[in-house]
């Protein structure tokens, strides 16, 4: 099977989701740019760092 391709697609989907949430967050423009660059330059590590410490979407889940 082509596991590397599936893994790459999963990482791509997670990074797109992260970038959408970063853009929709209430962070400053500079903060959004830095977080987006981090996720783009370091796809896996950047996503993990964003997931635990990054800005969240401004819309409420409740």
N, C-alpha and C. Protein backbone atom coordinates (compact mmCIF):
# COMPACT_ATOMS: atom_id res chain seq x y z
N UNK A 1 0.84 -1.20 0.00
CA UNK A 1 0.00 0.00 0.00
C UNK A 1 0.88 1.25 0.00
N UNK A 2 0.30 2.35 -0.36
CA UNK A 2 1.00 3.62 -0.43
C UNK A 2 0.74 4.42 0.84
N UNK A 3 1.38 4.00 1.94
CA UNK A 3 1.14 4.65 3.23
C UNK A 3 1.73 6.05 3.30
N UNK A 4 2.85 6.29 2.62
CA UNK A 4 3.45 7.62 2.63
C UNK A 4 2.50 8.64 1.99
N UNK A 5 1.83 8.26 0.93
CA UNK A 5 0.88 9.16 0.28
C UNK A 5 -0.32 9.46 1.15
N UNK A 6 -0.82 8.44 1.84
CA UNK A 6 -1.96 8.64 2.74
C UNK A 6 -1.55 9.53 3.90
N UNK A 7 -0.36 9.28 4.46
CA UNK A 7 0.14 10.12 5.56
C UNK A 7 0.31 11.56 5.13
N UNK A 8 0.83 11.76 3.93
CA UNK A 8 1.00 13.12 3.41
C UNK A 8 -0.33 13.83 3.24
N UNK A 9 -1.34 13.11 2.78
CA UNK A 9 -2.66 13.71 2.61
C UNK A 9 -3.27 14.09 3.96
N UNK A 10 -3.04 13.25 4.97
CA UNK A 10 -3.55 13.55 6.32
C UNK A 10 -2.87 14.80 6.86
N UNK A 11 -1.54 14.89 6.72
CA UNK A 11 -0.80 16.06 7.19
C UNK A 11 -1.29 17.31 6.45
N UNK A 12 -1.49 17.21 5.15
CA UNK A 12 -1.98 18.34 4.36
C UNK A 12 -3.35 18.79 4.85
N UNK A 13 -4.26 17.85 5.08
CA UNK A 13 -5.60 18.19 5.54
C UNK A 13 -5.55 18.85 6.92
N UNK A 14 -4.73 18.33 7.81
CA UNK A 14 -4.61 18.92 9.16
C UNK A 14 -4.02 20.32 9.09
N UNK A 15 -3.04 20.52 8.22
CA UNK A 15 -2.45 21.86 8.09
C UNK A 15 -3.43 22.86 7.50
N UNK A 16 -4.23 22.44 6.54
CA UNK A 16 -5.25 23.33 5.97
C UNK A 16 -6.26 23.70 7.06
N UNK A 17 -6.67 22.72 7.85
CA UNK A 17 -7.61 22.97 8.96
C UNK A 17 -7.01 23.95 9.96
N UNK A 18 -5.73 23.77 10.28
CA UNK A 18 -5.05 24.67 11.22
C UNK A 18 -5.00 26.09 10.67
N UNK A 19 -4.66 26.24 9.39
CA UNK A 19 -4.57 27.57 8.80
C UNK A 19 -5.93 28.25 8.76
N UNK A 20 -6.97 27.52 8.46
CA UNK A 20 -8.32 28.10 8.47
C UNK A 20 -8.66 28.59 9.88
N UNK A 21 -8.32 27.80 10.90
CA UNK A 21 -8.58 28.22 12.27
C UNK A 21 -7.72 29.40 12.69
N UNK A 22 -6.49 29.45 12.22
CA UNK A 22 -5.62 30.59 12.54
C UNK A 22 -6.19 31.86 11.94
N UNK A 23 -6.60 31.82 10.68
CA UNK A 23 -7.14 33.01 10.01
C UNK A 23 -8.43 33.45 10.69
N UNK A 24 -9.24 32.52 11.18
CA UNK A 24 -10.50 32.86 11.84
C UNK A 24 -10.36 33.20 13.31
N UNK A 25 -9.13 33.19 13.83
CA UNK A 25 -8.94 33.46 15.25
C UNK A 25 -8.95 34.96 15.53
N UNK A 26 -8.93 35.29 16.80
CA UNK A 26 -8.92 36.70 17.20
C UNK A 26 -7.51 37.22 17.42
N UNK A 27 -6.50 36.49 16.98
CA UNK A 27 -5.11 36.91 17.12
C UNK A 27 -4.84 38.13 16.24
N UNK A 28 -3.77 38.84 16.56
CA UNK A 28 -3.39 39.98 15.74
C UNK A 28 -2.94 39.50 14.36
N UNK A 29 -2.87 40.42 13.42
CA UNK A 29 -2.46 40.06 12.06
C UNK A 29 -1.05 39.49 12.05
N UNK A 30 -0.16 40.11 12.80
CA UNK A 30 1.21 39.62 12.89
C UNK A 30 1.26 38.22 13.47
N UNK A 31 0.47 37.98 14.49
CA UNK A 31 0.41 36.65 15.10
C UNK A 31 -0.11 35.62 14.13
N UNK A 32 -1.12 35.99 13.36
CA UNK A 32 -1.67 35.06 12.35
C UNK A 32 -0.62 34.71 11.31
N UNK A 33 0.15 35.71 10.88
CA UNK A 33 1.19 35.47 9.88
C UNK A 33 2.26 34.53 10.43
N UNK A 34 2.70 34.78 11.66
CA UNK A 34 3.74 33.94 12.27
C UNK A 34 3.26 32.51 12.44
N UNK A 35 2.04 32.33 12.95
CA UNK A 35 1.50 30.97 13.13
C UNK A 35 1.34 30.26 11.80
N UNK A 36 0.85 30.97 10.78
CA UNK A 36 0.68 30.37 9.46
C UNK A 36 2.02 29.95 8.88
N UNK A 37 3.03 30.81 9.00
CA UNK A 37 4.36 30.46 8.51
C UNK A 37 4.92 29.25 9.25
N UNK A 38 4.71 29.19 10.56
CA UNK A 38 5.19 28.05 11.34
C UNK A 38 4.56 26.75 10.84
N UNK A 39 3.27 26.77 10.60
CA UNK A 39 2.58 25.57 10.12
C UNK A 39 3.02 25.21 8.70
N UNK A 40 3.29 26.20 7.86
CA UNK A 40 3.70 25.93 6.49
C UNK A 40 5.15 25.44 6.40
N UNK A 41 6.04 26.05 7.19
CA UNK A 41 7.46 25.71 7.10
C UNK A 41 7.77 24.39 7.80
N UNK A 42 7.13 24.16 8.94
CA UNK A 42 7.34 22.91 9.71
C UNK A 42 6.00 22.20 9.82
N UNK A 43 5.57 21.49 8.78
CA UNK A 43 4.20 20.98 8.74
C UNK A 43 3.77 20.14 9.95
N UNK A 44 4.54 19.17 10.36
CA UNK A 44 4.10 18.30 11.45
C UNK A 44 4.36 18.96 12.80
N UNK A 45 5.59 19.44 13.01
CA UNK A 45 5.93 20.07 14.29
C UNK A 45 5.12 21.35 14.47
N UNK A 46 4.99 22.14 13.41
CA UNK A 46 4.21 23.38 13.49
C UNK A 46 2.76 23.12 13.84
N UNK A 47 2.18 22.06 13.27
CA UNK A 47 0.79 21.72 13.59
C UNK A 47 0.65 21.33 15.05
N UNK A 48 1.58 20.52 15.55
CA UNK A 48 1.51 20.07 16.95
C UNK A 48 1.65 21.26 17.89
N UNK A 49 2.60 22.16 17.60
CA UNK A 49 2.77 23.35 18.44
C UNK A 49 1.50 24.21 18.39
N UNK A 50 0.95 24.42 17.18
CA UNK A 50 -0.28 25.21 17.07
C UNK A 50 -1.42 24.55 17.84
N UNK A 51 -1.54 23.23 17.73
CA UNK A 51 -2.64 22.52 18.37
C UNK A 51 -2.66 22.74 19.88
N UNK A 52 -1.48 22.78 20.50
CA UNK A 52 -1.42 22.93 21.95
C UNK A 52 -1.30 24.38 22.41
N UNK A 53 -0.71 25.27 21.58
CA UNK A 53 -0.43 26.63 22.07
C UNK A 53 -0.95 27.74 21.15
N UNK A 54 -1.49 27.41 20.01
CA UNK A 54 -1.88 28.42 19.05
C UNK A 54 -3.21 29.08 19.33
N UNK A 55 -3.48 30.14 18.57
CA UNK A 55 -4.76 30.85 18.74
C UNK A 55 -5.92 29.99 18.25
N UNK A 56 -7.03 30.10 18.91
CA UNK A 56 -8.22 29.33 18.55
C UNK A 56 -9.19 30.22 17.76
N UNK A 57 -10.07 29.55 17.08
CA UNK A 57 -11.11 30.24 16.32
C UNK A 57 -11.96 31.07 17.27
N UNK A 58 -12.41 32.22 16.80
CA UNK A 58 -13.17 33.13 17.66
C UNK A 58 -14.61 32.68 17.87
N UNK A 59 -15.09 31.74 17.06
CA UNK A 59 -16.47 31.29 17.24
C UNK A 59 -16.58 30.28 18.35
N UNK A 60 -17.64 30.35 19.09
CA UNK A 60 -17.86 29.48 20.24
C UNK A 60 -18.47 28.15 19.82
N UNK A 61 -18.11 27.08 20.52
CA UNK A 61 -18.67 25.77 20.21
C UNK A 61 -19.99 25.52 20.93
N UNK A 62 -20.31 26.32 21.92
CA UNK A 62 -21.53 26.11 22.72
C UNK A 62 -22.74 26.73 22.05
